[in-house]
Amino acid sequence: MDVNIHIKDRTGAIHTVQAPTDMAMNLMEVCKAYELPVEGTCGGMAMCASCQCYVLSDTALPAIQDDEEAMLSEAFYVKENSRLGCQIPITVDLEGLEVELAPEY
């Protein structure tokens, strides 16, 4: 089953993408699959913040773990609604999720 996720890129364009829930992907990987400008330099280990995004919808997400919180505490352009895309697994609960990509460093 796929879920629809709405991603605002750095130019303000909104991309509605379909993300599979049965492939153990995360939001960073989905962005990369759709060739959206997300680096994911560390390969999804919560060590670089190059997949930082702002959550715009009130979609329930997994709680921030210590590694993600530590990385966000050192990242640029962090807001109250910042999350690392690599730490958001694609599940059926994400249907309708709206995010905006954080600015590049």
PDB file of N, CA and C in Angstrom:
ATOM      1  N   MET A   1       0.832  -1.184   0.000  1.00  0.00           N
ATOM      2  CA  MET A   1       0.000   0.000   0.000  1.00  0.00           C
ATOM      3  C   MET A   1       0.879   1.250   0.000  1.00  0.00           C
ATOM      4  N   ASP A   2       0.474   2.247  -0.735  1.00  0.00           N
ATOM      5  CA  ASP A   2       1.205   3.510  -0.780  1.00  0.00           C
ATOM      6  C   ASP A   2       0.449   4.582  -0.001  1.00  0.00           C
ATOM      7  N   VAL A   3       1.198   5.551   0.518  1.00  0.00           N
ATOM      8  CA  VAL A   3       0.591   6.719   1.162  1.00  0.00           C
ATOM      9  C   VAL A   3       1.000   7.956   0.373  1.00  0.00           C
ATOM     10  N   ASN A   4       0.152   8.956   0.406  1.00  0.00           N
ATOM     11  CA  ASN A   4       0.437  10.230  -0.260  1.00  0.00           C
ATOM     12  C   ASN A   4       1.098  11.177   0.724  1.00  0.00           C
ATOM     13  N   ILE A   5       2.236  11.732   0.319  1.00  0.00           N
ATOM     14  CA  ILE A   5       2.974  12.692   1.143  1.00  0.00           C
ATOM     15  C   ILE A   5       3.184  13.940   0.304  1.00  0.00           C
ATOM     16  N   HIS A   6       2.967  15.091   0.914  1.00  0.00           N
ATOM     17  CA  HIS A   6       3.102  16.375   0.220  1.00  0.00           C
ATOM     18  C   HIS A   6       4.390  17.044   0.699  1.00  0.00           C
ATOM     19  N   ILE A   7       5.298  17.297  -0.236  1.00  0.00           N
ATOM     20  CA  ILE A   7       6.617  17.829   0.095  1.00  0.00           C
ATOM     21  C   ILE A   7       6.814  19.158  -0.613  1.00  0.00           C
ATOM     22  N   LYS A   8       7.032  20.224   0.182  1.00  0.00           N
ATOM     23  CA  LYS A   8       7.331  21.532  -0.391  1.00  0.00           C
ATOM     24  C   LYS A   8       8.838  21.638  -0.536  1.00  0.00           C
ATOM     25  N   ASP A   9       9.297  21.874  -1.779  1.00  0.00           N
ATOM     26  CA  ASP A   9      10.733  21.979  -1.991  1.00  0.00           C
ATOM     27  C   ASP A   9      11.220  23.390  -1.660  1.00  0.00           C
ATOM     28  N   ARG A  10      12.498  23.645  -1.895  1.00  0.00           N
ATOM     29  CA  ARG A  10      13.092  24.923  -1.478  1.00  0.00           C
ATOM     30  C   ARG A  10      12.695  26.087  -2.378  1.00  0.00           C
ATOM     31  N   THR A  11      12.002  25.806  -3.486  1.00  0.00           N
ATOM     32  CA  THR A  11      11.506  26.883  -4.344  1.00  0.00           C
ATOM     33  C   THR A  11      10.045  27.194  -4.035  1.00  0.00           C
ATOM     34  N   GLY A  12       9.436  26.421  -3.128  1.00  0.00           N
ATOM     35  CA  GLY A  12       8.035  26.613  -2.772  1.00  0.00           C
ATOM     36  C   GLY A  12       7.090  25.715  -3.540  1.00  0.00           C
ATOM     37  N   ALA A  13       7.604  24.945  -4.494  1.00  0.00           N
ATOM     38  CA  ALA A  13       6.754  24.012  -5.249  1.00  0.00           C
ATOM     39  C   ALA A  13       6.379  22.829  -4.363  1.00  0.00           C
ATOM     40  N   ILE A  14       5.126  22.391  -4.497  1.00  0.00           N
ATOM     41  CA  ILE A  14       4.659  21.257  -3.700  1.00  0.00           C
ATOM     42  C   ILE A  14       4.594  20.019  -4.585  1.00  0.00           C
ATOM     43  N   HIS A  15       5.207  18.953  -4.096  1.00  0.00           N
ATOM     44  CA  HIS A  15       5.234  17.674  -4.805  1.00  0.00           C
ATOM     45  C   HIS A  15       4.414  16.674  -3.988  1.00  0.00           C
ATOM     46  N   THR A  16       3.398  16.100  -4.604  1.00  0.00           N
ATOM     47  CA  THR A  16       2.665  15.022  -3.948  1.00  0.00           C
ATOM     48  C   THR A  16       3.256  13.722  -4.461  1.00  0.00           C
ATOM     49  N   VAL A  17       3.823  12.949  -3.548  1.00  0.00           N
ATOM     50  CA  VAL A  17       4.492  11.710  -3.921  1.00  0.00           C
ATOM     51  C   VAL A  17       3.789  10.530  -3.274  1.00  0.00           C
ATOM     52  N   GLN A  18       3.934   9.387  -3.899  1.00  0.00           N
ATOM     53  CA  GLN A  18       3.393   8.164  -3.330  1.00  0.00           C
ATOM     54  C   GLN A  18       4.554   7.379  -2.744  1.00  0.00           C
ATOM     55  N   ALA A  19       4.419   7.045  -1.471  1.00  0.00           N
ATOM     56  CA  ALA A  19       5.484   6.346  -0.759  1.00  0.00           C
ATOM     57  C   ALA A  19       4.994   4.958  -0.351  1.00  0.00           C
ATOM     58  N   PRO A  20       5.750   3.926  -0.701  1.00  0.00           N
ATOM     59  CA  PRO A  20       5.340   2.562  -0.347  1.00  0.00           C
ATOM     60  C   PRO A  20       5.536   2.282   1.143  1.00  0.00           C
ATOM     61  N   THR A  21       4.552   1.631   1.733  1.00  0.00           N
ATOM     62  CA  THR A  21       4.648   1.304   3.167  1.00  0.00           C
ATOM     63  C   THR A  21       5.244  -0.076   3.395  1.00  0.00           C
ATOM     64  N   ASP A  22       5.521  -0.805   2.324  1.00  0.00           N
ATOM     65  CA  ASP A  22       5.975  -2.192   2.471  1.00  0.00           C
ATOM     66  C   ASP A  22       7.442  -2.387   2.096  1.00  0.00           C
ATOM     67  N   MET A  23       8.211  -1.301   2.018  1.00  0.00           N
ATOM     68  CA  MET A  23       9.612  -1.420   1.604  1.00  0.00           C
ATOM     69  C   MET A  23      10.603  -0.940   2.661  1.00  0.00           C
ATOM     70  N   ALA A  24      10.143  -0.690   3.880  1.00  0.00           N
ATOM     71  CA  ALA A  24      11.008  -0.250   4.987  1.00  0.00           C
ATOM     72  C   ALA A  24      11.794   1.006   4.624  1.00  0.00           C
ATOM     73  N   MET A  25      11.153   1.927   3.891  1.00  0.00           N
ATOM     74  CA  MET A  25      11.811   3.181   3.517  1.00  0.00           C
ATOM     75  C   MET A  25      11.535   4.248   4.573  1.00  0.00           C
ATOM     76  N   ASN A  26      12.336   5.317   4.530  1.00  0.00           N
ATOM     77  CA  ASN A  26      12.068   6.471   5.377  1.00  0.00           C
ATOM     78  C   ASN A  26      11.852   7.680   4.465  1.00  0.00           C
ATOM     79  N   LEU A  27      11.475   8.795   5.063  1.00  0.00           N
ATOM     80  CA  LEU A  27      11.131   9.980   4.279  1.00  0.00           C
ATOM     81  C   LEU A  27      12.312  10.485   3.446  1.00  0.00           C
ATOM     82  N   MET A  28      13.520  10.430   3.984  1.00  0.00           N
ATOM     83  CA  MET A  28      14.701  10.848   3.224  1.00  0.00           C
ATOM     84  C   MET A  28      14.844  10.012   1.956  1.00  0.00           C
ATOM     85  N   GLU A  29      14.691   8.704   2.073  1.00  0.00           N
ATOM     86  CA  GLU A  29      14.835   7.816   0.919  1.00  0.00           C
ATOM     87  C   GLU A  29      13.757   8.080  -0.128  1.00  0.00           C
ATOM     88  N   VAL A  30      12.549   8.380   0.318  1.00  0.00           N
ATOM     89  CA  VAL A  30      11.470   8.697  -0.616  1.00  0.00           C
ATOM     90  C   VAL A  30      11.804   9.987  -1.366  1.00  0.00           C
ATOM     91  N   CYS A  31      12.286  10.992  -0.658  1.00  0.00           N
ATOM     92  CA  CYS A  31      12.680  12.250  -1.312  1.00  0.00           C
ATOM     93  C   CYS A  31      13.747  11.998  -2.364  1.00  0.00           C
ATOM     94  N   LYS A  32      14.731  11.196  -2.025  1.00  0.00           N
ATOM     95  CA  LYS A  32      15.806  10.893  -2.972  1.00  0.00           C
ATOM     96  C   LYS A  32      15.269  10.112  -4.174  1.00  0.00           C
ATOM     97  N   ALA A  33      14.335   9.190  -3.940  1.00  0.00           N
ATOM     98  CA  ALA A  33      13.757   8.399  -5.020  1.00  0.00           C
ATOM     99  C   ALA A  33      13.023   9.292  -6.020  1.00  0.00           C
ATOM    100  N   TYR A  34      12.433  10.367  -5.529  1.00  0.00           N
ATOM    101  CA  TYR A  34      11.731  11.318  -6.393  1.00  0.00           C
ATOM    102  C   TYR A  34      12.636  12.468  -6.847  1.00  0.00           C
ATOM    103  N   GLU A  35      13.927  12.325  -6.586  1.00  0.00           N
ATOM    104  CA  GLU A  35      14.939  13.296  -6.995  1.00  0.00           C
ATOM    105  C   GLU A  35      14.691  14.701  -6.440  1.00  0.00           C
ATOM    106  N   LEU A  36      14.157  14.744  -5.228  1.00  0.00           N
ATOM    107  CA  LEU A  36      14.027  16.025  -4.530  1.00  0.00           C
ATOM    108  C   LEU A  36      15.372  16.327  -3.878  1.00  0.00           C
ATOM    109  N   PRO A  37      15.689  17.608  -3.686  1.00  0.00           N
ATOM    110  CA  PRO A  37      17.044  17.988  -3.243  1.00  0.00           C
ATOM    111  C   PRO A  37      17.314  17.703  -1.765  1.00  0.00           C
ATOM    112  N   VAL A  38      17.474  16.432  -1.449  1.00  0.00           N
ATOM    113  CA  VAL A  38      17.812  16.004  -0.091  1.00  0.00           C
ATOM    114  C   VAL A  38      19.124  15.250  -0.190  1.00  0.00           C
ATOM    115  N   GLU A  39      20.097  15.640   0.626  1.00  0.00           N
ATOM    116  CA  GLU A  39      21.420  15.025   0.548  1.00  0.00           C
ATOM    117  C   GLU A  39      21.464  13.627   1.164  1.00  0.00           C
ATOM    118  N   GLY A  40      21.119  13.543   2.441  1.00  0.00           N
ATOM    119  CA  GLY A  40      21.244  12.259   3.117  1.00  0.00           C
ATOM    120  C   GLY A  40      22.681  11.796   3.165  1.00  0.00           C
ATOM    121  N   THR A  41      23.580  12.734   3.425  1.00  0.00           N
ATOM    122  CA  THR A  41      25.012  12.478   3.371  1.00  0.00           C
ATOM    123  C   THR A  41      25.445  11.309   4.246  1.00  0.00           C
ATOM    124  N   CYS A  42      24.836  11.159   5.418  1.00  0.00           N
ATOM    125  CA  CYS A  42      25.281  10.112   6.350  1.00  0.00           C
ATOM    126  C   CYS A  42      24.598   8.777   6.086  1.00  0.00           C
ATOM    127  N   GLY A  43      23.726   8.731   5.096  1.00  0.00           N
ATOM    128  CA  GLY A  43      23.082   7.468   4.768  1.00  0.00           C
ATOM    129  C   GLY A  43      21.936   7.104   5.693  1.00  0.00           C
ATOM    130  N   GLY A  44      21.402   8.077   6.408  1.00  0.00           N
ATOM    131  CA  GLY A  44      20.246   7.812   7.264  1.00  0.00           C
ATOM    132  C   GLY A  44      20.569   7.444   8.689  1.00  0.00           C
ATOM    133  N   MET A  45      21.725   7.851   9.163  1.00  0.00           N
ATOM    134  CA  MET A  45      22.158   7.495  10.511  1.00  0.00           C
ATOM    135  C   MET A  45      21.922   8.612  11.541  1.00  0.00           C
ATOM    136  N   ALA A  46      21.181   9.653  11.166  1.00  0.00           N
ATOM    137  CA  ALA A  46      20.921  10.809  12.043  1.00  0.00           C
ATOM    138  C   ALA A  46      22.220  11.486  12.468  1.00  0.00           C
ATOM    139  N   MET A  47      23.161  11.604  11.511  1.00  0.00           N
ATOM    140  CA  MET A  47      24.458  12.176  11.850  1.00  0.00           C
ATOM    141  C   MET A  47      24.828  13.413  11.028  1.00  0.00           C
ATOM    142  N   CYS A  48      23.900  13.904  10.151  1.00  0.00           N
ATOM    143  CA  CYS A  48      24.324  15.042   9.335  1.00  0.00           C
ATOM    144  C   CYS A  48      23.271  16.142   9.182  1.00  0.00           C
ATOM    145  N   ALA A  49      22.020  15.860   9.390  1.00  0.00           N
ATOM    146  CA  ALA A  49      20.916  16.827   9.277  1.00  0.00           C
ATOM    147  C   ALA A  49      20.699  17.356   7.866  1.00  0.00           C
ATOM    148  N   SER A  50      21.287  16.720   6.842  1.00  0.00           N
ATOM    149  CA  SER A  50      21.067  17.195   5.472  1.00  0.00           C
ATOM    150  C   SER A  50      19.706  16.767   4.921  1.00  0.00           C
ATOM    151  N   CYS A  51      18.933  16.026   5.706  1.00  0.00           N
ATOM    152  CA  CYS A  51      17.572  15.655   5.310  1.00  0.00           C
ATOM    153  C   CYS A  51      16.541  16.333   6.214  1.00  0.00           C
ATOM    154  N   GLN A  52      16.959  17.396   6.897  1.00  0.00           N
ATOM    155  CA  GLN A  52      16.052  18.089   7.808  1.00  0.00           C
ATOM    156  C   GLN A  52      14.834  18.633   7.052  1.00  0.00           C
ATOM    157  N   CYS A  53      13.686  18.487   7.669  1.00  0.00           N
ATOM    158  CA  CYS A  53      12.467  19.044   7.101  1.00  0.00           C
ATOM    159  C   CYS A  53      11.607  19.607   8.221  1.00  0.00           C
ATOM    160  N   TYR A  54      10.631  20.404   7.832  1.00  0.00           N
ATOM    161  CA  TYR A  54       9.682  20.983   8.774  1.00  0.00           C
ATOM    162  C   TYR A  54       8.343  20.278   8.569  1.00  0.00           C
ATOM    163  N   VAL A  55       7.778  19.760   9.632  1.00  0.00           N
ATOM    164  CA  VAL A  55       6.497  19.070   9.557  1.00  0.00           C
ATOM    165  C   VAL A  55       5.394  20.121   9.623  1.00  0.00           C
ATOM    166  N   LEU A  56       4.580  20.214   8.568  1.00  0.00           N
ATOM    167  CA  LEU A  56       3.552  21.235   8.470  1.00  0.00           C
ATOM    168  C   LEU A  56       2.173  20.731   8.884  1.00  0.00           C
ATOM    169  N   SER A  57       1.952  19.430   8.811  1.00  0.00           N
ATOM    170  CA  SER A  57       0.650  18.871   9.173  1.00  0.00           C
ATOM    171  C   SER A  57       0.700  18.348  10.609  1.00  0.00           C
ATOM    172  N   ASP A  58      -0.461  17.998  11.137  1.00  0.00           N
ATOM    173  CA  ASP A  58      -0.495  17.476  12.510  1.00  0.00           C
ATOM    174  C   ASP A  58      -0.488  15.945  12.515  1.00  0.00           C
ATOM    175  N   THR A  59       0.162  15.383  11.523  1.00  0.00           N
ATOM    176  CA  THR A  59       0.299  13.935  11.398  1.00  0.00           C
ATOM    177  C   THR A  59       1.093  13.392  12.585  1.00  0.00           C
ATOM    178  N   ALA A  60       0.607  12.295  13.161  1.00  0.00           N
ATOM    179  CA  ALA A  60       1.319  11.667  14.280  1.00  0.00           C
ATOM    180  C   ALA A  60       2.599  11.012  13.766  1.00  0.00           C
ATOM    181  N   LEU A  61       3.712  11.393  14.354  1.00  0.00           N
ATOM    182  CA  LEU A  61       5.012  10.836  13.968  1.00  0.00           C
ATOM    183  C   LEU A  61       5.632  10.114  15.154  1.00  0.00           C
ATOM    184  N   PRO A  62       6.588   9.222  14.890  1.00  0.00           N
ATOM    185  CA  PRO A  62       7.299   8.591  15.999  1.00  0.00           C
ATOM    186  C   PRO A  62       8.016   9.664  16.828  1.00  0.00           C
ATOM    187  N   ALA A  63       8.160   9.410  18.100  1.00  0.00           N
ATOM    188  CA  ALA A  63       8.841  10.355  18.980  1.00  0.00           C
ATOM    189  C   ALA A  63      10.295  10.537  18.544  1.00  0.00           C
ATOM    190  N   ILE A  64      10.809  11.732  18.784  1.00  0.00           N
ATOM    191  CA  ILE A  64      12.220  12.001  18.477  1.00  0.00           C
ATOM    192  C   ILE A  64      13.092  11.214  19.447  1.00  0.00           C
ATOM    193  N   GLN A  65      14.034  10.472  18.882  1.00  0.00           N
ATOM    194  CA  GLN A  65      14.967   9.706  19.702  1.00  0.00           C
ATOM    195  C   GLN A  65      16.198  10.565  20.012  1.00  0.00           C
ATOM    196  N   ASP A  66      17.043  10.096  20.918  1.00  0.00           N
ATOM    197  CA  ASP A  66      18.199  10.864  21.379  1.00  0.00           C
ATOM    198  C   ASP A  66      19.134  11.271  20.243  1.00  0.00           C
ATOM    199  N   ASP A  67      19.425  10.351  19.313  1.00  0.00           N
ATOM    200  CA  ASP A  67      20.345  10.663  18.210  1.00  0.00           C
ATOM    201  C   ASP A  67      19.814  11.805  17.356  1.00  0.00           C
ATOM    202  N   GLU A  68      18.513  11.754  17.043  1.00  0.00           N
ATOM    203  CA  GLU A  68      17.914  12.797  16.217  1.00  0.00           C
ATOM    204  C   GLU A  68      17.905  14.131  16.964  1.00  0.00           C
ATOM    205  N   GLU A  69      17.543  14.092  18.226  1.00  0.00           N
ATOM    206  CA  GLU A  69      17.516  15.320  19.026  1.00  0.00           C
ATOM    207  C   GLU A  69      18.898  15.952  19.117  1.00  0.00           C
ATOM    208  N   ALA A  70      19.925  15.125  19.303  1.00  0.00           N
ATOM    209  CA  ALA A  70      21.298  15.623  19.395  1.00  0.00           C
ATOM    210  C   ALA A  70      21.722  16.267  18.077  1.00  0.00           C
ATOM    211  N   MET A  71      21.377  15.644  16.950  1.00  0.00           N
ATOM    212  CA  MET A  71      21.758  16.200  15.651  1.00  0.00           C
ATOM    213  C   MET A  71      21.034  17.515  15.397  1.00  0.00           C
ATOM    214  N   LEU A  72      19.748  17.571  15.711  1.00  0.00           N
ATOM    215  CA  LEU A  72      18.992  18.805  15.501  1.00  0.00           C
ATOM    216  C   LEU A  72      19.509  19.941  16.391  1.00  0.00           C
ATOM    217  N   SER A  73      20.051  19.592  17.548  1.00  0.00           N
ATOM    218  CA  SER A  73      20.567  20.635  18.443  1.00  0.00           C
ATOM    219  C   SER A  73      21.805  21.311  17.862  1.00  0.00           C
ATOM    220  N   GLU A  74      22.459  20.664  16.888  1.00  0.00           N
ATOM    221  CA  GLU A  74      23.662  21.212  16.261  1.00  0.00           C
ATOM    222  C   GLU A  74      23.415  21.725  14.844  1.00  0.00           C
ATOM    223  N   ALA A  75      22.225  21.492  14.306  1.00  0.00           N
ATOM    224  CA  ALA A  75      21.944  21.816  12.906  1.00  0.00           C
ATOM    225  C   ALA A  75      21.577  23.295  12.740  1.00  0.00           C
ATOM    226  N   PHE A  76      21.620  23.753  11.502  1.00  0.00           N
ATOM    227  CA  PHE A  76      21.210  25.119  11.152  1.00  0.00           C
ATOM    228  C   PHE A  76      19.732  25.125  10.791  1.00  0.00           C
ATOM    229  N   TYR A  77      19.110  26.298  10.891  1.00  0.00           N
ATOM    230  CA  TYR A  77      17.718  26.510  10.459  1.00  0.00           C
ATOM    231  C   TYR A  77      16.711  25.624  11.193  1.00  0.00           C
ATOM    232  N   VAL A  78      17.015  25.235  12.416  1.00  0.00           N
ATOM    233  CA  VAL A  78      16.118  24.361  13.170  1.00  0.00           C
ATOM    234  C   VAL A  78      14.934  25.171  13.692  1.00  0.00           C
ATOM    235  N   LYS A  79      13.749  24.587  13.581  1.00  0.00           N
ATOM    236  CA  LYS A  79      12.516  25.182  14.087  1.00  0.00           C
ATOM    237  C   LYS A  79      11.855  24.190  15.035  1.00  0.00           C
ATOM    238  N   GLU A  80      10.791  24.638  15.680  1.00  0.00           N
ATOM    239  CA  GLU A  80      10.043  23.767  16.599  1.00  0.00           C
ATOM    240  C   GLU A  80       9.566  22.491  15.905  1.00  0.00           C
ATOM    241  N   ASN A  81       9.245  22.593  14.610  1.00  0.00           N
ATOM    242  CA  ASN A  81       8.683  21.451  13.887  1.00  0.00           C
ATOM    243  C   ASN A  81       9.726  20.717  13.035  1.00  0.00           C
ATOM    244  N   SER A  82      11.001  20.912  13.332  1.00  0.00           N
ATOM    245  CA  SER A  82      12.058  20.234  12.574  1.00  0.00           C
ATOM    246  C   SER A  82      12.115  18.755  12.914  1.00  0.00           C
ATOM    247  N   ARG A  83      12.338  17.964  11.873  1.00  0.00           N
ATOM    248  CA  ARG A  83      12.619  16.533  12.022  1.00  0.00           C
ATOM    249  C   ARG A  83      13.638  16.143  10.971  1.00  0.00           C
ATOM    250  N   LEU A  84      14.313  15.031  11.190  1.00  0.00           N
ATOM    251  CA  LEU A  84      15.197  14.467  10.188  1.00  0.00           C
ATOM    252  C   LEU A  84      14.397  13.439   9.391  1.00  0.00           C
ATOM    253  N   GLY A  85      14.381  13.616   8.079  1.00  0.00           N
ATOM    254  CA  GLY A  85      13.612  12.714   7.233  1.00  0.00           C
ATOM    255  C   GLY A  85      14.021  11.264   7.368  1.00  0.00           C
ATOM    256  N   CYS A  86      15.307  11.034   7.643  1.00  0.00           N
ATOM    257  CA  CYS A  86      15.795   9.659   7.767  1.00  0.00           C
ATOM    258  C   CYS A  86      15.243   8.958   9.002  1.00  0.00           C
ATOM    259  N   GLN A  87      14.662   9.715   9.919  1.00  0.00           N
ATOM    260  CA  GLN A  87      14.151   9.139  11.155  1.00  0.00           C
ATOM    261  C   GLN A  87      12.627   9.011  11.141  1.00  0.00           C
ATOM    262  N   ILE A  88      12.027   9.208   9.964  1.00  0.00           N
ATOM    263  CA  ILE A  88      10.575   9.075   9.831  1.00  0.00           C
ATOM    264  C   ILE A  88      10.286   7.898   8.902  1.00  0.00           C
ATOM    265  N   PRO A  89      10.002   6.721   9.484  1.00  0.00           N
ATOM    266  CA  PRO A  89       9.705   5.551   8.647  1.00  0.00           C
ATOM    267  C   PRO A  89       8.359   5.729   7.947  1.00  0.00           C
ATOM    268  N   ILE A  90       8.278   5.222   6.724  1.00  0.00           N
ATOM    269  CA  ILE A  90       7.037   5.313   5.960  1.00  0.00           C
ATOM    270  C   ILE A  90       6.072   4.234   6.446  1.00  0.00           C
ATOM    271  N   THR A  91       4.959   4.686   7.019  1.00  0.00           N
ATOM    272  CA  THR A  91       3.913   3.778   7.494  1.00  0.00           C
ATOM    273  C   THR A  91       2.568   4.306   7.013  1.00  0.00           C
ATOM    274  N   VAL A  92       1.536   3.500   7.160  1.00  0.00           N
ATOM    275  CA  VAL A  92       0.196   3.925   6.729  1.00  0.00           C
ATOM    276  C   VAL A  92      -0.262   5.161   7.499  1.00  0.00           C
ATOM    277  N   ASP A  93       0.275   5.374   8.686  1.00  0.00           N
ATOM    278  CA  ASP A  93      -0.105   6.537   9.501  1.00  0.00           C
ATOM    279  C   ASP A  93       0.336   7.859   8.884  1.00  0.00           C
ATOM    280  N   LEU A  94       1.229   7.823   7.900  1.00  0.00           N
ATOM    281  CA  LEU A  94       1.735   9.054   7.296  1.00  0.00           C
ATOM    282  C   LEU A  94       0.862   9.577   6.162  1.00  0.00           C
ATOM    283  N   GLU A  95      -0.245   8.920   5.854  1.00  0.00           N
ATOM    284  CA  GLU A  95      -1.118   9.383   4.773  1.00  0.00           C
ATOM    285  C   GLU A  95      -1.442  10.869   4.981  1.00  0.00           C
ATOM    286  N   GLY A  96      -1.153  11.676   3.952  1.00  0.00           N
ATOM    287  CA  GLY A  96      -1.451  13.101   4.013  1.00  0.00           C
ATOM    288  C   GLY A  96      -0.392  13.955   4.693  1.00  0.00           C
ATOM    289  N   LEU A  97       0.712  13.363   5.114  1.00  0.00           N
ATOM    290  CA  LEU A  97       1.790  14.128   5.756  1.00  0.00           C
ATOM    291  C   LEU A  97       2.221  15.289   4.865  1.00  0.00           C
ATOM    292  N   GLU A  98       2.430  16.455   5.473  1.00  0.00           N
ATOM    293  CA  GLU A  98       2.920  17.625   4.754  1.00  0.00           C
ATOM    294  C   GLU A  98       4.217  18.087   5.398  1.00  0.00           C
ATOM    295  N   VAL A  99       5.267  18.188   4.591  1.00  0.00           N
ATOM    296  CA  VAL A  99       6.561  18.649   5.079  1.00  0.00           C
ATOM    297  C   VAL A  99       7.143  19.671   4.117  1.00  0.00           C
ATOM    298  N   GLU A 100       8.079  20.451   4.630  1.00  0.00           N
ATOM    299  CA  GLU A 100       8.832  21.398   3.824  1.00  0.00           C
ATOM    300  C   GLU A 100      10.305  21.113   4.024  1.00  0.00           C
ATOM    301  N   LEU A 101      11.072  21.081   2.937  1.00  0.00           N
ATOM    302  CA  LEU A 101      12.505  20.833   3.052  1.00  0.00           C
ATOM    303  C   LEU A 101      13.181  22.052   3.655  1.00  0.00           C
ATOM    304  N   ALA A 102      14.057  21.816   4.623  1.00  0.00           N
ATOM    305  CA  ALA A 102      14.806  22.907   5.247  1.00  0.00           C
ATOM    306  C   ALA A 102      15.822  23.462   4.250  1.00  0.00           C
ATOM    307  N   PRO A 103      16.238  24.724   4.425  1.00  0.00           N
ATOM    308  CA  PRO A 103      17.246  25.296   3.521  1.00  0.00           C
ATOM    309  C   PRO A 103      18.555  24.519   3.582  1.00  0.00           C
ATOM    310  N   GLU A 104      19.297  24.567   2.492  1.00  0.00           N
ATOM    311  CA  GLU A 104      20.624  23.944   2.486  1.00  0.00           C
ATOM    312  C   GLU A 104      21.561  24.814   3.310  1.00  0.00           C
ATOM    313  N   TYR A 105      22.627  24.232   3.829  1.00  0.00           N
ATOM    314  CA  TYR A 105      23.636  25.000   4.572  1.00  0.00           C
ATOM    315  C   TYR A 105      24.496  25.721   3.592  1.00  0.00           C
TER     316      TYR A 105
END
